């Protein structure tokens, strides 16, 4: 990419700034490169977001499936005759 600005200046100085066709062509090429870079960055960001969203949904779904497949917890009773903080499971 650094070749284009050098070429633009060289073409401008070479004939006293009268070679507008070459300068216009170089500016259009720079604009094309900028638009292409911007487009590729946008598409890359969209694909990354899409893939990450699918992975996150998959992880949450797997977690919920495993959570619902777990056995029911034991019934925990607190006996009033014991000291506070002692929990007995039957």
PDB file of N, CA and C in Angstrom:
ATOM      1  N   UNK A   1       0.800  -1.198   0.000  1.00  0.00           N
ATOM      2  CA  UNK A   1       0.000   0.000   0.000  1.00  0.00           C
ATOM      3  C   UNK A   1       0.852   1.276   0.000  1.00  0.00           C
ATOM      4  N   UNK A   2       2.044   1.298   0.593  1.00  0.00           N
ATOM      5  CA  UNK A   2       2.814   2.539   0.561  1.00  0.00           C
ATOM      6  C   UNK A   2       3.274   2.910  -0.854  1.00  0.00           C
ATOM      7  N   UNK A   3       3.181   1.977  -1.776  1.00  0.00           N
ATOM      8  CA  UNK A   3       3.604   2.264  -3.139  1.00  0.00           C
ATOM      9  C   UNK A   3       2.661   3.257  -3.811  1.00  0.00           C
ATOM     10  N   UNK A   4       1.373   3.212  -3.476  1.00  0.00           N
ATOM     11  CA  UNK A   4       0.406   4.075  -4.148  1.00  0.00           C
ATOM     12  C   UNK A   4       0.600   5.560  -3.842  1.00  0.00           C
ATOM     13  N   UNK A   5       0.785   5.983  -2.582  1.00  0.00           N
ATOM     14  CA  UNK A   5       1.029   7.411  -2.365  1.00  0.00           C
ATOM     15  C   UNK A   5       2.315   7.904  -3.040  1.00  0.00           C
ATOM     16  N   UNK A   6       3.339   7.068  -3.037  1.00  0.00           N
ATOM     17  CA  UNK A   6       4.588   7.454  -3.698  1.00  0.00           C
ATOM     18  C   UNK A   6       4.350   7.615  -5.196  1.00  0.00           C
ATOM     19  N   UNK A   7       3.596   6.681  -5.757  1.00  0.00           N
ATOM     20  CA  UNK A   7       3.313   6.731  -7.199  1.00  0.00           C
ATOM     21  C   UNK A   7       2.469   7.967  -7.532  1.00  0.00           C
ATOM     22  N   UNK A   8       1.521   8.307  -6.644  1.00  0.00           N
ATOM     23  CA  UNK A   8       0.668   9.470  -6.867  1.00  0.00           C
ATOM     24  C   UNK A   8       1.507  10.752  -6.881  1.00  0.00           C
ATOM     25  N   UNK A   9       2.403  10.875  -5.917  1.00  0.00           N
ATOM     26  CA  UNK A   9       3.252  12.066  -5.865  1.00  0.00           C
ATOM     27  C   UNK A   9       4.205  12.100  -7.062  1.00  0.00           C
ATOM     28  N   UNK A  10       4.743  10.941  -7.416  1.00  0.00           N
ATOM     29  CA  UNK A  10       5.666  10.875  -8.541  1.00  0.00           C
ATOM     30  C   UNK A  10       4.962  11.283  -9.825  1.00  0.00           C
ATOM     31  N   UNK A  11       3.722  10.806 -10.022  1.00  0.00           N
ATOM     32  CA  UNK A  11       2.974  11.155 -11.233  1.00  0.00           C
ATOM     33  C   UNK A  11       2.599  12.630 -11.227  1.00  0.00           C
ATOM     34  N   UNK A  12       2.343  13.195 -10.060  1.00  0.00           N
ATOM     35  CA  UNK A  12       1.983  14.610  -9.971  1.00  0.00           C
ATOM     36  C   UNK A  12       3.160  15.522 -10.273  1.00  0.00           C
ATOM     37  N   UNK A  13       4.349  15.132  -9.861  1.00  0.00           N
ATOM     38  CA  UNK A  13       5.535  15.964 -10.074  1.00  0.00           C
ATOM     39  C   UNK A  13       6.187  15.726 -11.437  1.00  0.00           C
ATOM     40  N   UNK A  14       5.913  14.580 -12.008  1.00  0.00           N
ATOM     41  CA  UNK A  14       6.611  14.206 -13.235  1.00  0.00           C
ATOM     42  C   UNK A  14       6.277  15.159 -14.386  1.00  0.00           C
ATOM     43  N   UNK A  15       5.019  15.500 -14.542  1.00  0.00           N
ATOM     44  CA  UNK A  15       4.633  16.352 -15.676  1.00  0.00           C
ATOM     45  C   UNK A  15       4.009  17.664 -15.198  1.00  0.00           C
ATOM     46  N   UNK A  16       4.381  18.088 -14.017  1.00  0.00           N
ATOM     47  CA  UNK A  16       3.865  19.353 -13.530  1.00  0.00           C
ATOM     48  C   UNK A  16       2.414  19.275 -13.097  1.00  0.00           C
ATOM     49  N   UNK A  17       1.953  18.100 -12.712  1.00  0.00           N
ATOM     50  CA  UNK A  17       0.581  17.937 -12.241  1.00  0.00           C
ATOM     51  C   UNK A  17      -0.433  17.801 -13.357  1.00  0.00           C
ATOM     52  N   UNK A  18       0.006  17.585 -14.605  1.00  0.00           N
ATOM     53  CA  UNK A  18      -0.920  17.492 -15.732  1.00  0.00           C
ATOM     54  C   UNK A  18      -1.364  16.059 -16.018  1.00  0.00           C
ATOM     55  N   UNK A  19      -0.810  15.094 -15.305  1.00  0.00           N
ATOM     56  CA  UNK A  19      -1.155  13.690 -15.554  1.00  0.00           C
ATOM     57  C   UNK A  19      -2.290  13.282 -14.604  1.00  0.00           C
ATOM     58  N   UNK A  20      -3.460  13.886 -14.772  1.00  0.00           N
ATOM     59  CA  UNK A  20      -4.585  13.654 -13.875  1.00  0.00           C
ATOM     60  C   UNK A  20      -5.179  12.254 -14.023  1.00  0.00           C
ATOM     61  N   UNK A  21      -5.014  11.662 -15.178  1.00  0.00           N
ATOM     62  CA  UNK A  21      -5.566  10.320 -15.386  1.00  0.00           C
ATOM     63  C   UNK A  21      -4.897   9.308 -14.448  1.00  0.00           C
ATOM     64  N   UNK A  22      -3.585   9.369 -14.349  1.00  0.00           N
ATOM     65  CA  UNK A  22      -2.852   8.452 -13.476  1.00  0.00           C
ATOM     66  C   UNK A  22      -3.178   8.731 -12.014  1.00  0.00           C
ATOM     67  N   UNK A  23      -3.256  10.016 -11.657  1.00  0.00           N
ATOM     68  CA  UNK A  23      -3.565  10.374 -10.266  1.00  0.00           C
ATOM     69  C   UNK A  23      -4.974   9.896  -9.904  1.00  0.00           C
ATOM     70  N   UNK A  24      -5.934  10.086 -10.803  1.00  0.00           N
ATOM     71  CA  UNK A  24      -7.303   9.623 -10.557  1.00  0.00           C
ATOM     72  C   UNK A  24      -7.342   8.107 -10.429  1.00  0.00           C
ATOM     73  N   UNK A  25      -6.633   7.423 -11.276  1.00  0.00           N
ATOM     74  CA  UNK A  25      -6.591   5.966 -11.219  1.00  0.00           C
ATOM     75  C   UNK A  25      -5.996   5.478  -9.894  1.00  0.00           C
ATOM     76  N   UNK A  26      -4.943   6.120  -9.438  1.00  0.00           N
ATOM     77  CA  UNK A  26      -4.309   5.733  -8.170  1.00  0.00           C
ATOM     78  C   UNK A  26      -5.242   6.015  -6.998  1.00  0.00           C
ATOM     79  N   UNK A  27      -5.927   7.169  -7.021  1.00  0.00           N
ATOM     80  CA  UNK A  27      -6.874   7.481  -5.947  1.00  0.00           C
ATOM     81  C   UNK A  27      -8.043   6.493  -5.925  1.00  0.00           C
ATOM     82  N   UNK A  28      -8.525   6.106  -7.096  1.00  0.00           N
ATOM     83  CA  UNK A  28      -9.590   5.101  -7.156  1.00  0.00           C
ATOM     84  C   UNK A  28      -9.108   3.745  -6.635  1.00  0.00           C
ATOM     85  N   UNK A  29      -7.852   3.399  -6.938  1.00  0.00           N
ATOM     86  CA  UNK A  29      -7.295   2.144  -6.425  1.00  0.00           C
ATOM     87  C   UNK A  29      -7.200   2.187  -4.904  1.00  0.00           C
ATOM     88  N   UNK A  30      -6.777   3.325  -4.342  1.00  0.00           N
ATOM     89  CA  UNK A  30      -6.709   3.456  -2.889  1.00  0.00           C
ATOM     90  C   UNK A  30      -8.100   3.357  -2.266  1.00  0.00           C
ATOM     91  N   UNK A  31      -9.081   3.988  -2.898  1.00  0.00           N
ATOM     92  CA  UNK A  31     -10.453   3.908  -2.408  1.00  0.00           C
ATOM     93  C   UNK A  31     -10.955   2.467  -2.453  1.00  0.00           C
ATOM     94  N   UNK A  32     -10.628   1.765  -3.544  1.00  0.00           N
ATOM     95  CA  UNK A  32     -11.025   0.353  -3.655  1.00  0.00           C
ATOM     96  C   UNK A  32     -10.389  -0.503  -2.575  1.00  0.00           C
ATOM     97  N   UNK A  33      -9.108  -0.283  -2.319  1.00  0.00           N
ATOM     98  CA  UNK A  33      -8.434  -1.028  -1.252  1.00  0.00           C
ATOM     99  C   UNK A  33      -9.054  -0.741   0.109  1.00  0.00           C
ATOM    100  N   UNK A  34      -9.380   0.516   0.349  1.00  0.00           N
ATOM    101  CA  UNK A  34      -9.983   0.878   1.638  1.00  0.00           C
ATOM    102  C   UNK A  34     -11.360   0.241   1.800  1.00  0.00           C
ATOM    103  N   UNK A  35     -12.179   0.290   0.766  1.00  0.00           N
ATOM    104  CA  UNK A  35     -13.509  -0.316   0.832  1.00  0.00           C
ATOM    105  C   UNK A  35     -13.397  -1.830   1.005  1.00  0.00           C
ATOM    106  N   UNK A  36     -12.475  -2.453   0.300  1.00  0.00           N
ATOM    107  CA  UNK A  36     -12.297  -3.908   0.426  1.00  0.00           C
ATOM    108  C   UNK A  36     -11.849  -4.279   1.837  1.00  0.00           C
ATOM    109  N   UNK A  37     -10.918  -3.518   2.401  1.00  0.00           N
ATOM    110  CA  UNK A  37     -10.449  -3.787   3.761  1.00  0.00           C
ATOM    111  C   UNK A  37     -11.577  -3.625   4.768  1.00  0.00           C
ATOM    112  N   UNK A  38     -12.371  -2.574   4.600  1.00  0.00           N
ATOM    113  CA  UNK A  38     -13.503  -2.324   5.490  1.00  0.00           C
ATOM    114  C   UNK A  38     -14.538  -3.440   5.369  1.00  0.00           C
ATOM    115  N   UNK A  39     -14.827  -3.866   4.143  1.00  0.00           N
ATOM    116  CA  UNK A  39     -15.809  -4.931   3.930  1.00  0.00           C
ATOM    117  C   UNK A  39     -15.350  -6.247   4.529  1.00  0.00           C
ATOM    118  N   UNK A  40     -14.095  -6.585   4.319  1.00  0.00           N
ATOM    119  CA  UNK A  40     -13.575  -7.840   4.865  1.00  0.00           C
ATOM    120  C   UNK A  40     -13.601  -7.813   6.386  1.00  0.00           C
ATOM    121  N   UNK A  41     -13.255  -6.673   6.985  1.00  0.00           N
ATOM    122  CA  UNK A  41     -13.315  -6.552   8.439  1.00  0.00           C
ATOM    123  C   UNK A  41     -14.731  -6.698   8.958  1.00  0.00           C
ATOM    124  N   UNK A  42     -15.701  -6.101   8.269  1.00  0.00           N
ATOM    125  CA  UNK A  42     -17.107  -6.213   8.678  1.00  0.00           C
ATOM    126  C   UNK A  42     -17.586  -7.651   8.579  1.00  0.00           C
ATOM    127  N   UNK A  43     -17.282  -8.323   7.477  1.00  0.00           N
ATOM    128  CA  UNK A  43     -17.700  -9.720   7.301  1.00  0.00           C
ATOM    129  C   UNK A  43     -17.040 -10.610   8.335  1.00  0.00           C
ATOM    130  N   UNK A  44     -15.755 -10.396   8.617  1.00  0.00           N
ATOM    131  CA  UNK A  44     -15.043 -11.183   9.617  1.00  0.00           C
ATOM    132  C   UNK A  44     -15.667 -11.010  11.005  1.00  0.00           C
ATOM    133  N   UNK A  45     -16.015  -9.773  11.344  1.00  0.00           N
ATOM    134  CA  UNK A  45     -16.646  -9.512  12.644  1.00  0.00           C
ATOM    135  C   UNK A  45     -18.021 -10.160  12.725  1.00  0.00           C
ATOM    136  N   UNK A  46     -18.780 -10.125  11.639  1.00  0.00           N
ATOM    137  CA  UNK A  46     -20.108 -10.734  11.638  1.00  0.00           C
ATOM    138  C   UNK A  46     -20.019 -12.247  11.791  1.00  0.00           C
ATOM    139  N   UNK A  47     -19.088 -12.866  11.074  1.00  0.00           N
ATOM    140  CA  UNK A  47     -18.919 -14.329  11.177  1.00  0.00           C
ATOM    141  C   UNK A  47     -18.484 -14.712  12.580  1.00  0.00           C
ATOM    142  N   UNK A  48     -17.550 -13.968  13.155  1.00  0.00           N
ATOM    143  CA  UNK A  48     -17.087 -14.249  14.518  1.00  0.00           C
ATOM    144  C   UNK A  48     -18.225 -14.128  15.521  1.00  0.00           C
ATOM    145  N   UNK A  49     -19.025 -13.089  15.402  1.00  0.00           N
ATOM    146  CA  UNK A  49     -20.168 -12.911  16.295  1.00  0.00           C
ATOM    147  C   UNK A  49     -21.162 -14.054  16.133  1.00  0.00           C
ATOM    148  N   UNK A  50     -21.440 -14.454  14.914  1.00  0.00           N
ATOM    149  CA  UNK A  50     -22.390 -15.528  14.646  1.00  0.00           C
ATOM    150  C   UNK A  50     -21.907 -16.853  15.242  1.00  0.00           C
ATOM    151  N   UNK A  51     -20.644 -17.174  15.036  1.00  0.00           N
ATOM    152  CA  UNK A  51     -20.091 -18.430  15.554  1.00  0.00           C
ATOM    153  C   UNK A  51     -20.060 -18.417  17.080  1.00  0.00           C
ATOM    154  N   UNK A  52     -19.635 -17.298  17.680  1.00  0.00           N
ATOM    155  CA  UNK A  52     -19.584 -17.212  19.139  1.00  0.00           C
ATOM    156  C   UNK A  52     -20.968 -17.327  19.759  1.00  0.00           C
ATOM    157  N   UNK A  53     -21.975 -16.753  19.116  1.00  0.00           N
ATOM    158  CA  UNK A  53     -23.342 -16.860  19.616  1.00  0.00           C
ATOM    159  C   UNK A  53     -23.803 -18.302  19.590  1.00  0.00           C
ATOM    160  N   UNK A  54     -23.527 -19.003  18.511  1.00  0.00           N
ATOM    161  CA  UNK A  54     -23.920 -20.421  18.427  1.00  0.00           C
ATOM    162  C   UNK A  54     -23.201 -21.265  19.482  1.00  0.00           C
ATOM    163  N   UNK A  55     -21.931 -20.988  19.700  1.00  0.00           N
ATOM    164  CA  UNK A  55     -21.171 -21.741  20.707  1.00  0.00           C
ATOM    165  C   UNK A  55     -21.728 -21.462  22.093  1.00  0.00           C
ATOM    166  N   UNK A  56     -22.028 -20.190  22.397  1.00  0.00           N
ATOM    167  CA  UNK A  56     -22.578 -19.843  23.707  1.00  0.00           C
ATOM    168  C   UNK A  56     -23.925 -20.506  23.937  1.00  0.00           C
ATOM    169  N   UNK A  57     -24.794 -20.504  22.928  1.00  0.00           N
ATOM    170  CA  UNK A  57     -26.101 -21.153  23.056  1.00  0.00           C
ATOM    171  C   UNK A  57     -25.923 -22.641  23.260  1.00  0.00           C
ATOM    172  N   UNK A  58     -24.978 -23.244  22.554  1.00  0.00           N
ATOM    173  CA  UNK A  58     -24.720 -24.676  22.700  1.00  0.00           C
ATOM    174  C   UNK A  58     -24.234 -25.006  24.110  1.00  0.00           C
ATOM    175  N   UNK A  59     -23.330 -24.186  24.648  1.00  0.00           N
ATOM    176  CA  UNK A  59     -22.828 -24.424  26.005  1.00  0.00           C
ATOM    177  C   UNK A  59     -23.937 -24.293  27.043  1.00  0.00           C
ATOM    178  N   UNK A  60     -24.785 -23.282  26.889  1.00  0.00           N
ATOM    179  CA  UNK A  60     -25.885 -23.097  27.842  1.00  0.00           C
ATOM    180  C   UNK A  60     -26.877 -24.248  27.732  1.00  0.00           C
ATOM    181  N   UNK A  61     -27.181 -24.691  26.518  1.00  0.00           N
ATOM    182  CA  UNK A  61     -28.112 -25.803  26.333  1.00  0.00           C
ATOM    183  C   UNK A  61     -27.555 -27.086  26.944  1.00  0.00           C
ATOM    184  N   UNK A  62     -26.275 -27.367  26.737  1.00  0.00           N
ATOM    185  CA  UNK A  62     -25.660 -28.563  27.330  1.00  0.00           C
ATOM    186  C   UNK A  62     -25.686 -28.489  28.853  1.00  0.00           C
ATOM    187  N   UNK A  63     -25.423 -27.315  29.405  1.00  0.00           N
ATOM    188  CA  UNK A  63     -25.461 -27.154  30.853  1.00  0.00           C
ATOM    189  C   UNK A  63     -26.858 -27.414  31.391  1.00  0.00           C
ATOM    190  N   UNK A  64     -27.871 -26.880  30.733  1.00  0.00           N
ATOM    191  CA  UNK A  64     -29.241 -27.092  31.200  1.00  0.00           C
ATOM    192  C   UNK A  64     -29.670 -28.547  31.082  1.00  0.00           C
ATOM    193  N   UNK A  65     -29.239 -29.231  30.036  1.00  0.00           N
ATOM    194  CA  UNK A  65     -29.560 -30.662  29.884  1.00  0.00           C
ATOM    195  C   UNK A  65     -28.928 -31.462  31.015  1.00  0.00           C
ATOM    196  N   UNK A  66     -27.668 -31.183  31.318  1.00  0.00           N
ATOM    197  CA  UNK A  66     -26.996 -31.890  32.406  1.00  0.00           C
ATOM    198  C   UNK A  66     -27.599 -31.537  33.753  1.00  0.00           C
ATOM    199  N   UNK A  67     -28.024 -30.299  33.913  1.00  0.00           N
ATOM    200  CA  UNK A  67     -28.625 -29.866  35.172  1.00  0.00           C
ATOM    201  C   UNK A  67     -29.962 -30.548  35.411  1.00  0.00           C
ATOM    202  N   UNK A  68     -30.754 -30.693  34.369  1.00  0.00           N
ATOM    203  CA  UNK A  68     -32.060 -31.351  34.532  1.00  0.00           C
ATOM    204  C   UNK A  68     -31.924 -32.862  34.630  1.00  0.00           C
ATOM    205  N   UNK A  69     -30.829 -33.424  34.177  1.00  0.00           N
ATOM    206  CA  UNK A  69     -30.633 -34.870  34.251  1.00  0.00           C
ATOM    207  C   UNK A  69     -30.080 -35.309  35.600  1.00  0.00           C
ATOM    208  N   UNK A  70     -29.714 -34.374  36.460  1.00  0.00           N
ATOM    209  CA  UNK A  70     -29.164 -34.716  37.767  1.00  0.00           C
ATOM    210  C   UNK A  70     -30.258 -35.284  38.662  1.00  0.00           C
ATOM    211  N   UNK A  71     -29.892 -36.184  39.591  1.00  0.00           N
ATOM    212  CA  UNK A  71     -30.902 -36.722  40.507  1.00  0.00           C
ATOM    213  C   UNK A  71     -31.421 -35.619  41.435  1.00  0.00           C
ATOM    214  N   UNK A  72     -32.626 -35.830  41.945  1.00  0.00           N
ATOM    215  CA  UNK A  72     -33.219 -34.844  42.847  1.00  0.00           C
ATOM    216  C   UNK A  72     -32.419 -34.798  44.148  1.00  0.00           C
ATOM    217  N   UNK A  73     -32.304 -33.637  44.752  1.00  0.00           N
ATOM    218  CA  UNK A  73     -31.524 -33.525  45.988  1.00  0.00           C
ATOM    219  C   UNK A  73     -32.248 -34.210  47.153  1.00  0.00           C
ATOM    220  N   UNK A  74     -31.460 -34.593  48.153  1.00  0.00           N
ATOM    221  CA  UNK A  74     -32.019 -35.214  49.345  1.00  0.00           C
ATOM    222  C   UNK A  74     -32.841 -34.201  50.130  1.00  0.00           C
ATOM    223  N   UNK A  75     -33.813 -34.715  50.853  1.00  0.00           N
ATOM    224  CA  UNK A  75     -34.604 -33.843  51.712  1.00  0.00           C
ATOM    225  C   UNK A  75     -33.798 -33.584  52.964  1.00  0.00           C
ATOM    226  N   UNK A  76     -33.580 -32.337  53.276  1.00  0.00           N
ATOM    227  CA  UNK A  76     -32.767 -31.968  54.429  1.00  0.00           C
ATOM    228  C   UNK A  76     -33.705 -31.499  55.534  1.00  0.00           C
ATOM    229  N   UNK A  77     -33.584 -32.139  56.693  1.00  0.00           N
ATOM    230  CA  UNK A  77     -34.414 -31.759  57.837  1.00  0.00           C
ATOM    231  C   UNK A  77     -33.515 -31.214  58.937  1.00  0.00           C
ATOM    232  N   UNK A  78     -34.024 -30.235  59.618  1.00  0.00           N
ATOM    233  CA  UNK A  78     -33.301 -29.679  60.755  1.00  0.00           C
ATOM    234  C   UNK A  78     -34.038 -30.118  62.007  1.00  0.00           C
ATOM    235  N   UNK A  79     -33.303 -30.831  62.851  1.00  0.00           N
ATOM    236  CA  UNK A  79     -33.894 -31.309  64.105  1.00  0.00           C
ATOM    237  C   UNK A  79     -33.782 -30.190  65.135  1.00  0.00           C
ATOM    238  N   UNK A  80     -34.905 -29.842  65.771  1.00  0.00           N
ATOM    239  CA  UNK A  80     -34.924 -28.755  66.720  1.00  0.00           C
ATOM    240  C   UNK A  80     -34.173 -29.053  68.001  1.00  0.00           C
ATOM    241  N   UNK A  81     -33.950 -30.346  68.319  1.00  0.00           N
ATOM    242  CA  UNK A  81     -33.272 -30.683  69.562  1.00  0.00           C
ATOM    243  C   UNK A  81     -31.757 -30.543  69.444  1.00  0.00           C
ATOM    244  N   UNK A  82     -31.248 -30.508  68.262  1.00  0.00           N
ATOM    245  CA  UNK A  82     -29.787 -30.387  68.062  1.00  0.00           C
ATOM    246  C   UNK A  82     -29.373 -28.932  68.139  1.00  0.00           C
ATOM    247  N   UNK A  83     -28.099 -28.722  68.187  1.00  0.00           N
ATOM    248  CA  UNK A  83     -27.586 -27.355  68.186  1.00  0.00           C
ATOM    249  C   UNK A  83     -27.852 -26.724  66.821  1.00  0.00           C
ATOM    250  N   UNK A  84     -27.907 -25.419  66.801  1.00  0.00           N
ATOM    251  CA  UNK A  84     -28.126 -24.728  65.534  1.00  0.00           C
ATOM    252  C   UNK A  84     -26.948 -24.972  64.585  1.00  0.00           C
ATOM    253  N   UNK A  85     -27.230 -25.099  63.334  1.00  0.00           N
ATOM    254  CA  UNK A  85     -26.190 -25.286  62.338  1.00  0.00           C
ATOM    255  C   UNK A  85     -25.936 -26.739  62.006  1.00  0.00           C
ATOM    256  N   UNK A  86     -26.510 -27.670  62.720  1.00  0.00           N
ATOM    257  CA  UNK A  86     -26.319 -29.087  62.420  1.00  0.00           C
ATOM    258  C   UNK A  86     -27.477 -29.501  61.521  1.00  0.00           C
ATOM    259  N   UNK A  87     -27.160 -30.001  60.359  1.00  0.00           N
ATOM    260  CA  UNK A  87     -28.192 -30.414  59.406  1.00  0.00           C
ATOM    261  C   UNK A  87     -28.045 -31.910  59.207  1.00  0.00           C
ATOM    262  N   UNK A  88     -29.166 -32.615  59.295  1.00  0.00           N
ATOM    263  CA  UNK A  88     -29.149 -34.076  59.103  1.00  0.00           C
ATOM    264  C   UNK A  88     -29.904 -34.420  57.840  1.00  0.00           C
ATOM    265  N   UNK A  89     -29.317 -35.259  57.027  1.00  0.00           N
ATOM    266  CA  UNK A  89     -29.965 -35.707  55.803  1.00  0.00           C
ATOM    267  C   UNK A  89     -30.401 -37.141  55.999  1.00  0.00           C
ATOM    268  N   UNK A  90     -31.637 -37.414  55.605  1.00  0.00           N
ATOM    269  CA  UNK A  90     -32.155 -38.793  55.751  1.00  0.00           C
ATOM    270  C   UNK A  90     -32.142 -39.494  54.440  1.00  0.00           C
TER     271      UNK A  90
END
